[in-house]
Amino acid sequence: MSMSTLAAFEAGRAALGVPDGSADGRFQSDGQTWVLTARGEYAGATVELTAYADTDRVESRGGGS
């Protein structure tokens, strides 16, 4: 499942019961895009969530590193 905002990512993660600590963030596109991914189990299947955000949007909200 691919998501276009971090808020959508968090809503999807919570709805599917994917644990908070399973998320991993990284940068791509020469540091212009922040990518957040998480994996978990739902209804017997492995699910992977992915969210993308412009780096300036993440930094303005206190996220990223």
C-alpha atoms as a PDB file:
ATOM      1  CA  MET A   1       0.000   0.000   0.000  1.00  0.00           C
ATOM      2  CA  SER A   2       1.512   3.329  -1.017  1.00  0.00           C
ATOM      3  CA  MET A   3       0.504   6.563   0.692  1.00  0.00           C
ATOM      4  CA  SER A   4       1.163  10.162  -0.268  1.00  0.00           C
ATOM      5  CA  THR A   5       1.205  11.759   3.202  1.00  0.00           C
ATOM      6  CA  LEU A   6       2.659  10.881   6.568  1.00  0.00           C
ATOM      7  CA  ALA A   7      -0.765  11.348   8.181  1.00  0.00           C
ATOM      8  CA  ALA A   8      -2.238   8.758   5.805  1.00  0.00           C
ATOM      9  CA  PHE A   9       0.669   6.446   6.647  1.00  0.00           C
ATOM     10  CA  GLU A  10      -0.024   6.710  10.378  1.00  0.00           C
ATOM     11  CA  ALA A  11      -3.749   6.171   9.886  1.00  0.00           C
ATOM     12  CA  GLY A  12      -3.119   3.089   7.731  1.00  0.00           C
ATOM     13  CA  ARG A  13      -0.506   1.749  10.153  1.00  0.00           C
ATOM     14  CA  ALA A  14      -2.874   2.086  13.097  1.00  0.00           C
ATOM     15  CA  ALA A  15      -5.865   0.632  11.214  1.00  0.00           C
ATOM     16  CA  LEU A  16      -3.864  -2.457  10.215  1.00  0.00           C
ATOM     17  CA  GLY A  17      -2.323  -2.879  13.675  1.00  0.00           C
ATOM     18  CA  VAL A  18       1.246  -2.451  12.422  1.00  0.00           C
ATOM     19  CA  PRO A  19       3.384  -1.653  15.501  1.00  0.00           C
ATOM     20  CA  ASP A  20       4.756   1.897  15.968  1.00  0.00           C
ATOM     21  CA  GLY A  21       8.337   0.659  16.269  1.00  0.00           C
ATOM     22  CA  SER A  22       8.276  -1.110  12.909  1.00  0.00           C
ATOM     23  CA  ALA A  23       8.570   2.103  10.842  1.00  0.00           C
ATOM     24  CA  ASP A  24      11.879   2.959   9.154  1.00  0.00           C
ATOM     25  CA  GLY A  25      12.643   6.334   7.566  1.00  0.00           C
ATOM     26  CA  ARG A  26      15.236   7.173   4.908  1.00  0.00           C
ATOM     27  CA  PHE A  27      16.000   9.792   2.286  1.00  0.00           C
ATOM     28  CA  GLN A  28      16.116   9.354  -1.494  1.00  0.00           C
ATOM     29  CA  SER A  29      16.431  11.553  -4.595  1.00  0.00           C
ATOM     30  CA  ASP A  30      19.535  13.362  -3.299  1.00  0.00           C
ATOM     31  CA  GLY A  31      17.820  14.095   0.020  1.00  0.00           C
ATOM     32  CA  GLN A  32      14.735  15.699  -1.552  1.00  0.00           C
ATOM     33  CA  THR A  33      12.286  12.940  -0.585  1.00  0.00           C
ATOM     34  CA  TRP A  34      11.757  11.267   2.761  1.00  0.00           C
ATOM     35  CA  VAL A  35      10.455   7.672   2.627  1.00  0.00           C
ATOM     36  CA  LEU A  36       8.781   5.939   5.563  1.00  0.00           C
ATOM     37  CA  THR A  37       8.110   2.183   5.449  1.00  0.00           C
ATOM     38  CA  ALA A  38       6.692  -0.353   7.884  1.00  0.00           C
ATOM     39  CA  ARG A  39       5.796  -4.034   7.723  1.00  0.00           C
ATOM     40  CA  GLY A  40       3.366  -6.057   9.759  1.00  0.00           C
ATOM     41  CA  GLU A  41       0.853  -8.864   9.695  1.00  0.00           C
ATOM     42  CA  TYR A  42      -2.833  -8.384   8.948  1.00  0.00           C
ATOM     43  CA  ALA A  43      -5.404 -11.169   8.512  1.00  0.00           C
ATOM     44  CA  GLY A  44      -2.642 -13.712   7.936  1.00  0.00           C
ATOM     45  CA  ALA A  45      -0.845 -11.675   5.268  1.00  0.00           C
ATOM     46  CA  THR A  46       2.295  -9.561   5.436  1.00  0.00           C
ATOM     47  CA  VAL A  47       1.542  -5.913   4.613  1.00  0.00           C
ATOM     48  CA  GLU A  48       4.039  -3.187   3.765  1.00  0.00           C
ATOM     49  CA  LEU A  49       3.133   0.489   4.053  1.00  0.00           C
ATOM     50  CA  THR A  50       5.122   3.186   2.236  1.00  0.00           C
ATOM     51  CA  ALA A  51       4.778   6.970   2.496  1.00  0.00           C
ATOM     52  CA  TYR A  52       6.673   9.688   0.616  1.00  0.00           C
ATOM     53  CA  ALA A  53       7.097  13.330   1.601  1.00  0.00           C
ATOM     54  CA  ASP A  54       9.151  16.261   0.365  1.00  0.00           C
ATOM     55  CA  THR A  55      12.043  16.818   2.765  1.00  0.00           C
ATOM     56  CA  ASP A  56      11.013  20.424   3.465  1.00  0.00           C
ATOM     57  CA  ARG A  57       7.529  19.252   4.558  1.00  0.00           C
ATOM     58  CA  VAL A  58       9.032  16.679   6.951  1.00  0.00           C
ATOM     59  CA  GLU A  59      11.548  19.145   8.422  1.00  0.00           C
ATOM     60  CA  SER A  60       8.864  21.792   8.963  1.00  0.00           C
ATOM     61  CA  ARG A  61       6.919  19.254  11.077  1.00  0.00           C
ATOM     62  CA  GLY A  62       9.940  18.122  13.079  1.00  0.00           C
ATOM     63  CA  GLY A  63      10.410  14.748  11.389  1.00  0.00           C
ATOM     64  CA  GLY A  64      13.337  13.199   9.568  1.00  0.00           C
ATOM     65  CA  SER A  65      16.958  13.250  10.594  1.00  0.00           C
END
